[in-house]
Protein backbone atom coordinates (compact mmCIF):
# COMPACT_ATOMS: atom_id res chain seq x y z
CA UNK A 1 13.21 6.36 2.62
CA UNK A 2 11.76 4.32 5.45
CA UNK A 3 13.15 0.85 5.83
CA UNK A 4 11.50 -2.24 7.24
CA UNK A 5 13.49 -1.62 10.43
CA UNK A 6 12.05 1.92 10.59
CA UNK A 7 8.53 0.48 10.34
CA UNK A 8 9.30 -2.03 13.08
CA UNK A 9 10.71 0.74 15.29
CA UNK A 10 7.59 2.87 14.73
CA UNK A 11 5.40 -0.11 15.61
CA UNK A 12 7.37 -0.77 18.80
CA UNK A 13 6.76 2.86 19.82
CA UNK A 14 3.01 2.42 19.13
CA UNK A 15 3.06 4.90 16.24
CA UNK A 16 2.08 2.20 13.77
CA UNK A 17 -0.04 -0.85 14.38
CA UNK A 18 -0.27 -4.21 12.68
CA UNK A 19 -3.55 -6.07 12.37
CA UNK A 20 -4.07 -9.83 12.64
CA UNK A 21 -3.17 -10.26 8.95
CA UNK A 22 0.04 -8.28 9.34
CA UNK A 23 -1.14 -5.10 7.66
CA UNK A 24 0.49 -1.93 8.94
CA UNK A 25 -1.43 1.28 9.54
CA UNK A 26 -0.91 4.50 11.39
CA UNK A 27 -2.98 5.14 14.51
CA UNK A 28 -5.71 7.69 13.77
CA UNK A 29 -4.52 9.98 16.58
CA UNK A 30 -1.00 9.96 15.15
CA UNK A 31 -2.31 10.61 11.64
CA UNK A 32 -4.36 13.58 12.92
CA UNK A 33 -1.42 15.00 14.84
CA UNK A 34 0.95 14.63 11.88
CA UNK A 35 -1.51 16.30 9.52
CA UNK A 36 -1.80 19.27 11.90
CA UNK A 37 1.84 19.53 13.01
CA UNK A 38 3.72 18.99 9.77
CA UNK A 39 3.49 20.97 6.56
CA UNK A 40 1.50 19.06 3.93
CA UNK A 41 4.58 18.57 1.75
CA UNK A 42 6.42 16.93 4.64
CA UNK A 43 3.42 14.65 5.31
CA UNK A 44 3.38 13.60 1.65
CA UNK A 45 7.13 12.99 1.73
CA UNK A 46 6.90 10.81 4.86
CA UNK A 47 3.93 8.84 3.49
CA UNK A 48 5.80 8.28 0.23
CA UNK A 49 8.83 7.03 2.16
CA UNK A 50 6.73 4.54 4.12
CA UNK A 51 4.91 3.46 0.94
CA UNK A 52 8.25 2.79 -0.80
CA UNK A 53 9.44 0.67 2.15
CA UNK A 54 6.22 -1.36 2.07
CA UNK A 55 6.51 -1.92 -1.68
CA UNK A 56 10.16 -2.98 -1.36
CA UNK A 57 9.23 -5.45 1.36
CA UNK A 58 6.37 -6.71 -0.86
CA UNK A 59 8.92 -7.36 -3.62
CA UNK A 60 11.04 -9.38 -1.17
CA UNK A 61 7.93 -11.31 -0.14
CA UNK A 62 7.25 -12.09 -3.81
CA UNK A 63 10.83 -13.33 -4.26
CA UNK A 64 10.31 -15.62 -1.26
CA UNK A 65 6.95 -16.86 -2.59
CA UNK A 66 5.05 -15.41 0.38
CA UNK A 67 2.01 -14.21 -1.54
CA UNK A 68 -0.24 -13.53 1.45
CA UNK A 69 2.37 -11.34 3.13
CA UNK A 70 2.81 -9.56 -0.21
CA UNK A 71 -0.94 -8.90 -0.37
CA UNK A 72 -0.92 -7.51 3.18
CA UNK A 73 1.99 -5.20 2.40
CA UNK A 74 0.43 -3.98 -0.85
CA UNK A 75 -2.88 -3.34 0.92
CA UNK A 76 -1.04 -1.24 3.50
CA UNK A 77 0.80 0.66 0.75
CA UNK A 78 -2.51 1.24 -1.06
CA UNK A 79 -3.75 3.23 1.93
CA UNK A 80 -0.83 5.63 1.46
CA UNK A 81 -1.01 6.41 -2.26
CA UNK A 82 -1.40 10.04 -3.17
CA UNK A 83 -2.34 9.87 -6.82
CA UNK A 84 -4.93 8.03 -8.83
CA UNK A 85 -2.27 6.60 -11.14
CA UNK A 86 -0.43 5.09 -8.16
CA UNK A 87 -3.72 3.75 -6.80
CA UNK A 88 -4.54 2.07 -10.10
CA UNK A 89 -1.06 0.57 -10.37
CA UNK A 90 -1.28 -0.77 -6.82
CA UNK A 91 -4.73 -2.24 -7.48
CA UNK A 92 -3.34 -3.98 -10.57
CA UNK A 93 -0.52 -5.49 -8.51
CA UNK A 94 -3.00 -6.63 -5.88
CA UNK A 95 -5.22 -8.20 -8.51
CA UNK A 96 -2.29 -10.15 -9.98
CA UNK A 97 -1.14 -11.30 -6.55
CA UNK A 98 -4.63 -12.49 -5.61
CA UNK A 99 -4.79 -14.32 -8.94
CA UNK A 100 -1.48 -16.04 -8.18
CA UNK A 101 -3.04 -17.29 -4.94
CA UNK A 102 -6.16 -18.45 -6.80
CA UNK A 103 -8.25 -15.92 -4.86
CA UNK A 104 -10.40 -15.22 -7.88
CA UNK A 105 -13.05 -13.02 -6.28
CA UNK A 106 -10.45 -10.75 -4.69
CA UNK A 107 -8.47 -10.67 -7.95
CA UNK A 108 -11.58 -9.70 -9.92
CA UNK A 109 -12.64 -7.08 -7.37
CA UNK A 110 -9.23 -5.36 -7.37
CA UNK A 111 -8.99 -5.65 -11.15
CA UNK A 112 -12.41 -4.03 -11.54
CA UNK A 113 -11.42 -1.20 -9.19
CA UNK A 114 -8.30 -0.62 -11.29
CA UNK A 115 -10.31 -0.60 -14.54
CA UNK A 116 -12.89 1.85 -13.14
CA UNK A 117 -10.15 4.16 -11.93
CA UNK A 118 -8.34 3.97 -15.26
CA UNK A 119 -11.53 4.73 -17.18
CA UNK A 120 -12.42 7.61 -14.87
CA UNK A 121 -9.04 9.21 -15.35
CA UNK A 122 -8.73 8.38 -19.05
CA UNK A 123 -5.57 6.37 -18.48
CA UNK A 124 -6.75 2.97 -19.75
CA UNK A 125 -3.96 2.39 -22.23
CA UNK A 126 -1.25 4.05 -20.15
CA UNK A 127 -1.67 1.90 -17.04
CA UNK A 128 -3.48 -1.29 -17.95
């Protein structure tokens, strides 16, 4: 799996970028190239590896009481989910983290997205 150091290395080589809030994303040109050059299974595997690294770093941020950094990491990981169940779970985590920061509108918005997704997929009781 990708580590935080791997993400930093990719950023230093301009393959990933970080916005003003610290969120990490892949450059569109790189994303297009990867989707054309690599088999889809390899793309999914790489995205999953990066997502795991972001989630692990978000857990460290939570342990250090850095809620805003945790939100930024979870938002970045949300962009990389490849299933609706993962998306709903990530939205739930984001909602709880926003709530911890007393960002009630953001917490409600992410919570509502999670509920809609759960209802649409029939997974209300399994996920929420």
